[in-house]
Amino acid sequence: QVQLVESGGGLVQAGGSLRLSCVASGGTFRWLAMGWFRQAPGKEREFVATITGSSGRTDYSDSVKGRFAISRDNAKNTVYLEMNSLKPEDTAVYYCAAGPRISGVASDYAYWGQGTQVTVSS
Protein backbone atom coordinates (compact mmCIF):
# COMPACT_ATOMS: atom_id res chain seq x y z
CA GLN A 1 0.00 0.00 0.00
CA VAL A 2 1.38 3.38 -1.02
CA GLN A 3 0.57 6.49 0.95
CA LEU A 4 0.91 9.93 -0.60
CA VAL A 5 0.96 13.26 1.23
CA GLU A 6 0.89 16.54 -0.66
CA SER A 7 2.00 19.93 0.62
CA GLY A 8 2.85 23.38 -0.66
CA GLY A 9 -0.52 24.70 -1.70
CA GLY A 10 -1.73 28.16 -0.79
CA LEU A 11 -2.94 31.53 -2.01
CA VAL A 12 -0.91 33.36 -4.65
CA GLN A 13 -1.48 36.28 -6.96
CA ALA A 14 -1.76 35.81 -10.70
CA GLY A 15 1.69 35.61 -12.25
CA GLY A 16 3.18 34.14 -9.11
CA SER A 17 4.72 30.75 -8.41
CA LEU A 18 4.22 27.80 -6.09
CA ARG A 19 5.95 24.48 -5.64
CA LEU A 20 3.94 21.46 -4.60
CA SER A 21 5.53 18.42 -3.00
CA CYS A 22 4.26 14.89 -2.61
CA VAL A 23 6.01 12.41 -0.33
CA ALA A 24 5.38 8.70 -0.89
CA SER A 25 5.72 5.88 1.59
CA GLY A 26 4.93 2.19 1.65
CA GLY A 27 6.21 1.25 -1.78
CA THR A 28 9.28 1.19 -4.02
CA PHE A 29 9.15 4.77 -5.17
CA ARG A 30 11.53 4.51 -8.10
CA TRP A 31 9.27 1.90 -9.72
CA LEU A 32 6.24 4.17 -9.62
CA ALA A 33 5.10 6.59 -12.25
CA MET A 34 3.81 9.72 -10.56
CA GLY A 35 1.17 12.15 -11.69
CA TRP A 36 -0.42 15.42 -10.71
CA PHE A 37 -4.11 16.05 -11.31
CA ARG A 38 -6.38 18.90 -10.29
CA GLN A 39 -10.05 19.44 -9.66
CA ALA A 40 -11.79 22.80 -9.62
CA PRO A 41 -15.22 23.27 -8.00
CA GLY A 42 -17.96 21.86 -10.20
CA LYS A 43 -15.48 20.37 -12.66
CA GLU A 44 -14.08 16.93 -13.30
CA ARG A 45 -10.61 15.95 -12.19
CA GLU A 46 -8.12 16.77 -14.93
CA PHE A 47 -4.60 15.68 -15.79
CA VAL A 48 -1.78 18.14 -15.16
CA ALA A 49 1.57 16.33 -15.44
CA THR A 50 3.21 12.93 -15.14
CA ILE A 51 6.70 11.49 -14.81
CA THR A 52 8.14 7.99 -15.17
CA GLY A 53 9.83 6.16 -12.32
CA SER A 54 13.42 6.00 -13.46
CA SER A 55 13.95 7.62 -16.85
CA GLY A 56 12.32 10.87 -15.83
CA ARG A 57 10.29 11.14 -19.00
CA THR A 58 7.52 13.70 -18.54
CA ASP A 59 4.24 14.70 -20.12
CA TYR A 60 2.00 17.70 -19.55
CA SER A 61 -1.47 18.88 -20.35
CA ASP A 62 -1.58 21.61 -22.96
CA SER A 63 -3.01 24.04 -20.41
CA VAL A 64 0.12 23.97 -18.25
CA LYS A 65 2.85 23.16 -20.78
CA GLY A 66 5.64 25.71 -20.56
CA ARG A 67 4.49 27.00 -17.15
CA PHE A 68 4.60 23.93 -14.90
CA ALA A 69 7.42 21.44 -14.38
CA ILE A 70 7.21 18.02 -12.75
CA SER A 71 10.29 16.44 -11.22
CA ARG A 72 11.17 13.78 -8.69
CA ASP A 73 13.85 12.92 -6.18
CA ASN A 74 13.89 9.15 -5.77
CA ALA A 75 16.28 9.41 -2.80
CA LYS A 76 13.64 11.43 -0.95
CA ASN A 77 10.58 9.54 -2.26
CA THR A 78 9.25 12.89 -3.39
CA VAL A 79 7.69 14.29 -6.55
CA TYR A 80 7.40 18.02 -7.15
CA LEU A 81 5.26 20.29 -9.26
CA GLU A 82 6.82 23.68 -9.91
CA MET A 83 4.10 26.08 -11.02
CA ASN A 84 5.00 29.41 -12.60
CA SER A 85 3.03 32.19 -14.26
CA LEU A 86 -0.04 31.08 -12.37
CA LYS A 87 -3.46 32.11 -13.62
CA PRO A 88 -6.82 32.30 -11.80
CA GLU A 89 -7.97 29.32 -13.87
CA ASP A 90 -5.26 27.22 -12.20
CA THR A 91 -7.25 27.44 -8.96
CA ALA A 92 -8.10 23.90 -7.87
CA VAL A 93 -7.34 21.13 -5.44
CA TYR A 94 -4.16 19.45 -6.68
CA TYR A 95 -3.75 15.72 -6.20
CA CYS A 96 -0.68 13.56 -6.36
CA ALA A 97 -1.11 10.03 -7.76
CA ALA A 98 1.04 6.91 -8.18
CA GLY A 99 0.69 4.09 -10.68
CA PRO A 100 2.52 1.49 -12.73
CA ARG A 101 3.06 3.57 -15.86
CA ILE A 102 3.12 7.12 -17.13
CA SER A 103 -0.38 8.19 -18.08
CA GLY A 104 -2.71 11.15 -18.35
CA VAL A 105 -5.72 9.06 -17.34
CA ALA A 106 -6.79 9.20 -13.71
CA SER A 107 -8.06 5.61 -13.65
CA ASP A 108 -4.53 4.36 -14.46
CA TYR A 109 -3.37 5.48 -11.02
CA ALA A 110 -3.98 3.22 -8.05
CA TYR A 111 -2.92 5.53 -5.23
CA TRP A 112 -3.95 9.09 -4.45
CA GLY A 113 -3.10 11.75 -1.92
CA GLN A 114 -5.63 13.83 -0.05
CA GLY A 115 -5.03 16.93 -2.15
CA THR A 116 -3.75 20.44 -1.50
CA GLN A 117 -5.62 23.64 -2.33
CA VAL A 118 -4.11 26.14 -4.75
CA THR A 119 -5.88 29.47 -5.11
CA VAL A 120 -4.75 32.08 -7.61
CA SER A 121 -6.19 35.55 -7.17
CA SER A 122 -6.58 38.00 -10.04
C-alpha atoms as a PDB file:
ATOM      1  CA  GLN A   1       0.000   0.000   0.000  1.00  0.00           C
ATOM      2  CA  VAL A   2       1.383   3.376  -1.021  1.00  0.00           C
ATOM      3  CA  GLN A   3       0.567   6.490   0.955  1.00  0.00           C
ATOM      4  CA  LEU A   4       0.912   9.928  -0.596  1.00  0.00           C
ATOM      5  CA  VAL A   5       0.965  13.256   1.229  1.00  0.00           C
ATOM      6  CA  GLU A   6       0.886  16.543  -0.661  1.00  0.00           C
ATOM      7  CA  SER A   7       1.996  19.934   0.619  1.00  0.00           C
ATOM      8  CA  GLY A   8       2.851  23.379  -0.660  1.00  0.00           C
ATOM      9  CA  GLY A   9      -0.524  24.697  -1.696  1.00  0.00           C
ATOM     10  CA  GLY A  10      -1.731  28.164  -0.792  1.00  0.00           C
ATOM     11  CA  LEU A  11      -2.936  31.527  -2.011  1.00  0.00           C
ATOM     12  CA  VAL A  12      -0.907  33.357  -4.645  1.00  0.00           C
ATOM     13  CA  GLN A  13      -1.481  36.283  -6.964  1.00  0.00           C
ATOM     14  CA  ALA A  14      -1.759  35.813 -10.698  1.00  0.00           C
ATOM     15  CA  GLY A  15       1.689  35.611 -12.247  1.00  0.00           C
ATOM     16  CA  GLY A  16       3.181  34.137  -9.112  1.00  0.00           C
ATOM     17  CA  SER A  17       4.722  30.750  -8.405  1.00  0.00           C
ATOM     18  CA  LEU A  18       4.216  27.803  -6.085  1.00  0.00           C
ATOM     19  CA  ARG A  19       5.955  24.477  -5.637  1.00  0.00           C
ATOM     20  CA  LEU A  20       3.939  21.464  -4.601  1.00  0.00           C
ATOM     21  CA  SER A  21       5.535  18.421  -3.002  1.00  0.00           C
ATOM     22  CA  CYS A  22       4.264  14.889  -2.609  1.00  0.00           C
ATOM     23  CA  VAL A  23       6.007  12.412  -0.328  1.00  0.00           C
ATOM     24  CA  ALA A  24       5.382   8.704  -0.885  1.00  0.00           C
ATOM     25  CA  SER A  25       5.720   5.882   1.594  1.00  0.00           C
ATOM     26  CA  GLY A  26       4.928   2.189   1.654  1.00  0.00           C
ATOM     27  CA  GLY A  27       6.210   1.248  -1.777  1.00  0.00           C
ATOM     28  CA  THR A  28       9.281   1.192  -4.019  1.00  0.00           C
ATOM     29  CA  PHE A  29       9.148   4.769  -5.168  1.00  0.00           C
ATOM     30  CA  ARG A  30      11.525   4.506  -8.103  1.00  0.00           C
ATOM     31  CA  TRP A  31       9.271   1.902  -9.724  1.00  0.00           C
ATOM     32  CA  LEU A  32       6.239   4.166  -9.620  1.00  0.00           C
ATOM     33  CA  ALA A  33       5.103   6.588 -12.254  1.00  0.00           C
ATOM     34  CA  MET A  34       3.813   9.725 -10.562  1.00  0.00           C
ATOM     35  CA  GLY A  35       1.171  12.152 -11.692  1.00  0.00           C
ATOM     36  CA  TRP A  36      -0.425  15.423 -10.709  1.00  0.00           C
ATOM     37  CA  PHE A  37      -4.115  16.051 -11.306  1.00  0.00           C
ATOM     38  CA  ARG A  38      -6.379  18.896 -10.285  1.00  0.00           C
ATOM     39  CA  GLN A  39     -10.050  19.445  -9.665  1.00  0.00           C
ATOM     40  CA  ALA A  40     -11.790  22.798  -9.616  1.00  0.00           C
ATOM     41  CA  PRO A  41     -15.220  23.274  -7.996  1.00  0.00           C
ATOM     42  CA  GLY A  42     -17.962  21.860 -10.198  1.00  0.00           C
ATOM     43  CA  LYS A  43     -15.482  20.369 -12.663  1.00  0.00           C
ATOM     44  CA  GLU A  44     -14.081  16.928 -13.296  1.00  0.00           C
ATOM     45  CA  ARG A  45     -10.607  15.954 -12.189  1.00  0.00           C
ATOM     46  CA  GLU A  46      -8.122  16.771 -14.933  1.00  0.00           C
ATOM     47  CA  PHE A  47      -4.600  15.681 -15.791  1.00  0.00           C
ATOM     48  CA  VAL A  48      -1.778  18.137 -15.162  1.00  0.00           C
ATOM     49  CA  ALA A  49       1.569  16.335 -15.440  1.00  0.00           C
ATOM     50  CA  THR A  50       3.209  12.926 -15.140  1.00  0.00           C
ATOM     51  CA  ILE A  51       6.705  11.494 -14.813  1.00  0.00           C
ATOM     52  CA  THR A  52       8.138   7.991 -15.167  1.00  0.00           C
ATOM     53  CA  GLY A  53       9.826   6.164 -12.321  1.00  0.00           C
ATOM     54  CA  SER A  54      13.422   5.999 -13.458  1.00  0.00           C
ATOM     55  CA  SER A  55      13.946   7.616 -16.853  1.00  0.00           C
ATOM     56  CA  GLY A  56      12.318  10.866 -15.828  1.00  0.00           C
ATOM     57  CA  ARG A  57      10.292  11.137 -19.003  1.00  0.00           C
ATOM     58  CA  THR A  58       7.525  13.696 -18.540  1.00  0.00           C
ATOM     59  CA  ASP A  59       4.243  14.695 -20.124  1.00  0.00           C
ATOM     60  CA  TYR A  60       1.996  17.700 -19.554  1.00  0.00           C
ATOM     61  CA  SER A  61      -1.472  18.876 -20.347  1.00  0.00           C
ATOM     62  CA  ASP A  62      -1.583  21.610 -22.964  1.00  0.00           C
ATOM     63  CA  SER A  63      -3.011  24.045 -20.412  1.00  0.00           C
ATOM     64  CA  VAL A  64       0.123  23.971 -18.254  1.00  0.00           C
ATOM     65  CA  LYS A  65       2.853  23.163 -20.776  1.00  0.00           C
ATOM     66  CA  GLY A  66       5.644  25.715 -20.560  1.00  0.00           C
ATOM     67  CA  ARG A  67       4.486  26.997 -17.151  1.00  0.00           C
ATOM     68  CA  PHE A  68       4.597  23.931 -14.905  1.00  0.00           C
ATOM     69  CA  ALA A  69       7.415  21.439 -14.383  1.00  0.00           C
ATOM     70  CA  ILE A  70       7.210  18.019 -12.750  1.00  0.00           C
ATOM     71  CA  SER A  71      10.293  16.444 -11.223  1.00  0.00           C
ATOM     72  CA  ARG A  72      11.174  13.777  -8.695  1.00  0.00           C
ATOM     73  CA  ASP A  73      13.854  12.917  -6.179  1.00  0.00           C
ATOM     74  CA  ASN A  74      13.890   9.152  -5.769  1.00  0.00           C
ATOM     75  CA  ALA A  75      16.278   9.409  -2.800  1.00  0.00           C
ATOM     76  CA  LYS A  76      13.643  11.427  -0.949  1.00  0.00           C
ATOM     77  CA  ASN A  77      10.583   9.544  -2.265  1.00  0.00           C
ATOM     78  CA  THR A  78       9.246  12.891  -3.395  1.00  0.00           C
ATOM     79  CA  VAL A  79       7.686  14.289  -6.549  1.00  0.00           C
ATOM     80  CA  TYR A  80       7.397  18.023  -7.153  1.00  0.00           C
ATOM     81  CA  LEU A  81       5.257  20.294  -9.262  1.00  0.00           C
ATOM     82  CA  GLU A  82       6.817  23.684  -9.912  1.00  0.00           C
ATOM     83  CA  MET A  83       4.096  26.080 -11.023  1.00  0.00           C
ATOM     84  CA  ASN A  84       4.998  29.409 -12.600  1.00  0.00           C
ATOM     85  CA  SER A  85       3.028  32.189 -14.259  1.00  0.00           C
ATOM     86  CA  LEU A  86      -0.044  31.079 -12.369  1.00  0.00           C
ATOM     87  CA  LYS A  87      -3.462  32.108 -13.618  1.00  0.00           C
ATOM     88  CA  PRO A  88      -6.819  32.299 -11.795  1.00  0.00           C
ATOM     89  CA  GLU A  89      -7.973  29.320 -13.868  1.00  0.00           C
ATOM     90  CA  ASP A  90      -5.261  27.222 -12.199  1.00  0.00           C
ATOM     91  CA  THR A  91      -7.248  27.440  -8.965  1.00  0.00           C
ATOM     92  CA  ALA A  92      -8.100  23.901  -7.869  1.00  0.00           C
ATOM     93  CA  VAL A  93      -7.337  21.125  -5.441  1.00  0.00           C
ATOM     94  CA  TYR A  94      -4.165  19.450  -6.680  1.00  0.00           C
ATOM     95  CA  TYR A  95      -3.754  15.721  -6.197  1.00  0.00           C
ATOM     96  CA  CYS A  96      -0.678  13.556  -6.361  1.00  0.00           C
ATOM     97  CA  ALA A  97      -1.105  10.028  -7.758  1.00  0.00           C
ATOM     98  CA  ALA A  98       1.037   6.912  -8.176  1.00  0.00           C
ATOM     99  CA  GLY A  99       0.691   4.089 -10.677  1.00  0.00           C
ATOM    100  CA  PRO A 100       2.518   1.488 -12.726  1.00  0.00           C
ATOM    101  CA  ARG A 101       3.063   3.575 -15.860  1.00  0.00           C
ATOM    102  CA  ILE A 102       3.120   7.116 -17.130  1.00  0.00           C
ATOM    103  CA  SER A 103      -0.384   8.185 -18.075  1.00  0.00           C
ATOM    104  CA  GLY A 104      -2.706  11.149 -18.347  1.00  0.00           C
ATOM    105  CA  VAL A 105      -5.722   9.061 -17.337  1.00  0.00           C
ATOM    106  CA  ALA A 106      -6.789   9.200 -13.707  1.00  0.00           C
ATOM    107  CA  SER A 107      -8.061   5.614 -13.654  1.00  0.00           C
ATOM    108  CA  ASP A 108      -4.531   4.356 -14.462  1.00  0.00           C
ATOM    109  CA  TYR A 109      -3.366   5.482 -11.020  1.00  0.00           C
ATOM    110  CA  ALA A 110      -3.983   3.216  -8.048  1.00  0.00           C
ATOM    111  CA  TYR A 111      -2.925   5.530  -5.227  1.00  0.00           C
ATOM    112  CA  TRP A 112      -3.948   9.091  -4.453  1.00  0.00           C
ATOM    113  CA  GLY A 113      -3.102  11.747  -1.921  1.00  0.00           C
ATOM    114  CA  GLN A 114      -5.634  13.835  -0.048  1.00  0.00           C
ATOM    115  CA  GLY A 115      -5.025  16.934  -2.149  1.00  0.00           C
ATOM    116  CA  THR A 116      -3.745  20.442  -1.502  1.00  0.00           C
ATOM    117  CA  GLN A 117      -5.617  23.645  -2.332  1.00  0.00           C
ATOM    118  CA  VAL A 118      -4.106  26.142  -4.753  1.00  0.00           C
ATOM    119  CA  THR A 119      -5.877  29.468  -5.109  1.00  0.00           C
ATOM    120  CA  VAL A 120      -4.748  32.084  -7.614  1.00  0.00           C
ATOM    121  CA  SER A 121      -6.193  35.553  -7.171  1.00  0.00           C
ATOM    122  CA  SER A 122      -6.581  38.001 -10.037  1.00  0.00           C
END
